[in-house]
Amino acid sequence: TTYLTLQPSKEIIFEVIPGASSTSLISLTNNKETFLAFKVKTTAPKNYIVRPNQGVIKPYESVDVSIILNLEKTVDDKDHKF
């Protein structure tokens, strides 16, 4: 089995509402008996705020990571990666 399961596993979708921030969640699940450290990075750090951006997940537990779209800095590019 894999150490870490991501949900959603392929892409995150933001619902953009003018004048409001847009947030999506990524759930990180530790599938092992040991503690697992994580760090979330992006290819477009000015466009997104990630909270928490790093941490430790206890064995067989999950952590939700919020990805906040920074509408003031966002460039229309669909190739951003985490």
C-alpha atoms as a PDB file:
ATOM      1  CA  THR A   1       0.000   0.000   0.000  1.00  0.00           C
ATOM      2  CA  THR A   2       1.001   3.624  -0.392  1.00  0.00           C
ATOM      3  CA  TYR A   3       2.035   5.778   2.531  1.00  0.00           C
ATOM      4  CA  LEU A   4      -0.250   8.663   1.615  1.00  0.00           C
ATOM      5  CA  THR A   5      -3.653   8.963  -0.039  1.00  0.00           C
ATOM      6  CA  LEU A   6      -4.771  12.307  -1.502  1.00  0.00           C
ATOM      7  CA  GLN A   7      -8.416  13.196  -1.984  1.00  0.00           C
ATOM      8  CA  PRO A   8      -9.083  14.514  -4.576  1.00  0.00           C
ATOM      9  CA  SER A   9      -6.221  12.641  -6.199  1.00  0.00           C
ATOM     10  CA  LYS A  10      -5.878  14.442  -9.569  1.00  0.00           C
ATOM     11  CA  GLU A  11      -7.090  18.042  -9.461  1.00  0.00           C
ATOM     12  CA  ILE A  12      -8.813  20.561  -7.241  1.00  0.00           C
ATOM     13  CA  ILE A  13     -11.612  22.777  -8.454  1.00  0.00           C
ATOM     14  CA  PHE A  14     -12.334  26.303  -7.274  1.00  0.00           C
ATOM     15  CA  GLU A  15     -15.744  27.947  -7.455  1.00  0.00           C
ATOM     16  CA  VAL A  16     -14.892  31.544  -8.300  1.00  0.00           C
ATOM     17  CA  ILE A  17     -17.305  34.142  -6.943  1.00  0.00           C
ATOM     18  CA  PRO A  18     -16.413  37.787  -7.708  1.00  0.00           C
ATOM     19  CA  GLY A  19     -15.362  39.664  -4.568  1.00  0.00           C
ATOM     20  CA  ALA A  20     -15.010  36.518  -2.447  1.00  0.00           C
ATOM     21  CA  SER A  21     -12.133  34.173  -1.742  1.00  0.00           C
ATOM     22  CA  SER A  22     -12.359  30.651  -3.075  1.00  0.00           C
ATOM     23  CA  THR A  23     -11.204  27.658  -1.043  1.00  0.00           C
ATOM     24  CA  SER A  24     -10.756  23.986  -1.863  1.00  0.00           C
ATOM     25  CA  LEU A  25      -9.739  21.177   0.467  1.00  0.00           C
ATOM     26  CA  ILE A  26      -7.269  18.369  -0.003  1.00  0.00           C
ATOM     27  CA  SER A  27      -7.513  15.481   2.444  1.00  0.00           C
ATOM     28  CA  LEU A  28      -4.204  13.741   3.226  1.00  0.00           C
ATOM     29  CA  THR A  29      -4.543  10.257   4.771  1.00  0.00           C
ATOM     30  CA  ASN A  30      -1.667   8.366   6.372  1.00  0.00           C
ATOM     31  CA  ASN A  31      -2.035   4.663   5.489  1.00  0.00           C
ATOM     32  CA  LYS A  32       0.819   3.349   7.648  1.00  0.00           C
ATOM     33  CA  GLU A  33       1.612   2.569  11.298  1.00  0.00           C
ATOM     34  CA  THR A  34       4.229   5.343  11.469  1.00  0.00           C
ATOM     35  CA  PHE A  35       4.017   9.121  11.656  1.00  0.00           C
ATOM     36  CA  LEU A  36       4.204  10.852   8.273  1.00  0.00           C
ATOM     37  CA  ALA A  37       5.507  14.372   7.619  1.00  0.00           C
ATOM     38  CA  PHE A  38       4.111  16.417   4.724  1.00  0.00           C
ATOM     39  CA  LYS A  39       4.781  19.714   2.983  1.00  0.00           C
ATOM     40  CA  VAL A  40       2.566  21.230   0.265  1.00  0.00           C
ATOM     41  CA  LYS A  41       4.270  23.368  -2.370  1.00  0.00           C
ATOM     42  CA  THR A  42       2.919  24.979  -5.531  1.00  0.00           C
ATOM     43  CA  THR A  43       4.373  26.152  -8.816  1.00  0.00           C
ATOM     44  CA  ALA A  44       2.446  29.431  -8.341  1.00  0.00           C
ATOM     45  CA  PRO A  45       2.964  30.544  -4.707  1.00  0.00           C
ATOM     46  CA  LYS A  46       1.653  34.081  -5.321  1.00  0.00           C
ATOM     47  CA  ASN A  47      -1.671  32.672  -6.490  1.00  0.00           C
ATOM     48  CA  TYR A  48      -2.468  30.345  -3.575  1.00  0.00           C
ATOM     49  CA  ILE A  49      -2.402  30.285   0.212  1.00  0.00           C
ATOM     50  CA  VAL A  50      -1.959  26.791   1.676  1.00  0.00           C
ATOM     51  CA  ARG A  51      -2.938  26.105   5.319  1.00  0.00           C
ATOM     52  CA  PRO A  52      -1.416  24.148   6.911  1.00  0.00           C
ATOM     53  CA  ASN A  53       1.400  23.968   4.396  1.00  0.00           C
ATOM     54  CA  GLN A  54       3.326  21.388   6.430  1.00  0.00           C
ATOM     55  CA  GLY A  55       2.803  19.085   9.373  1.00  0.00           C
ATOM     56  CA  VAL A  56       2.806  15.552  10.718  1.00  0.00           C
ATOM     57  CA  ILE A  57      -0.012  13.044  10.293  1.00  0.00           C
ATOM     58  CA  LYS A  58      -0.491  10.385  12.975  1.00  0.00           C
ATOM     59  CA  PRO A  59      -0.756   6.730  11.919  1.00  0.00           C
ATOM     60  CA  TYR A  60      -4.030   5.969  10.066  1.00  0.00           C
ATOM     61  CA  GLU A  61      -5.317   9.537  10.495  1.00  0.00           C
ATOM     62  CA  SER A  62      -6.142  12.318   8.029  1.00  0.00           C
ATOM     63  CA  VAL A  63      -5.447  16.043   7.759  1.00  0.00           C
ATOM     64  CA  ASP A  64      -7.443  18.526   5.678  1.00  0.00           C
ATOM     65  CA  VAL A  65      -5.361  21.129   3.870  1.00  0.00           C
ATOM     66  CA  SER A  66      -7.075  24.329   2.676  1.00  0.00           C
ATOM     67  CA  ILE A  67      -6.000  25.780  -0.653  1.00  0.00           C
ATOM     68  CA  ILE A  68      -7.152  29.400  -0.942  1.00  0.00           C
ATOM     69  CA  LEU A  69      -7.195  31.005  -4.371  1.00  0.00           C
ATOM     70  CA  ASN A  70      -5.742  34.530  -4.205  1.00  0.00           C
ATOM     71  CA  LEU A  71      -8.013  36.330  -6.674  1.00  0.00           C
ATOM     72  CA  GLU A  72      -5.958  39.539  -6.612  1.00  0.00           C
ATOM     73  CA  LYS A  73      -2.805  37.790  -7.882  1.00  0.00           C
ATOM     74  CA  THR A  74      -4.204  35.013 -10.032  1.00  0.00           C
ATOM     75  CA  VAL A  75      -3.160  34.651 -13.634  1.00  0.00           C
ATOM     76  CA  ASP A  76      -5.387  32.616 -15.954  1.00  0.00           C
ATOM     77  CA  ASP A  77      -3.184  29.527 -16.181  1.00  0.00           C
ATOM     78  CA  LYS A  78      -4.422  25.962 -15.803  1.00  0.00           C
ATOM     79  CA  ASP A  79      -0.952  24.461 -15.398  1.00  0.00           C
ATOM     80  CA  HIS A  80      -0.492  25.289 -11.713  1.00  0.00           C
ATOM     81  CA  LYS A  81       0.619  22.285  -9.681  1.00  0.00           C
ATOM     82  CA  PHE A  82       0.824  21.294  -6.025  1.00  0.00           C
END
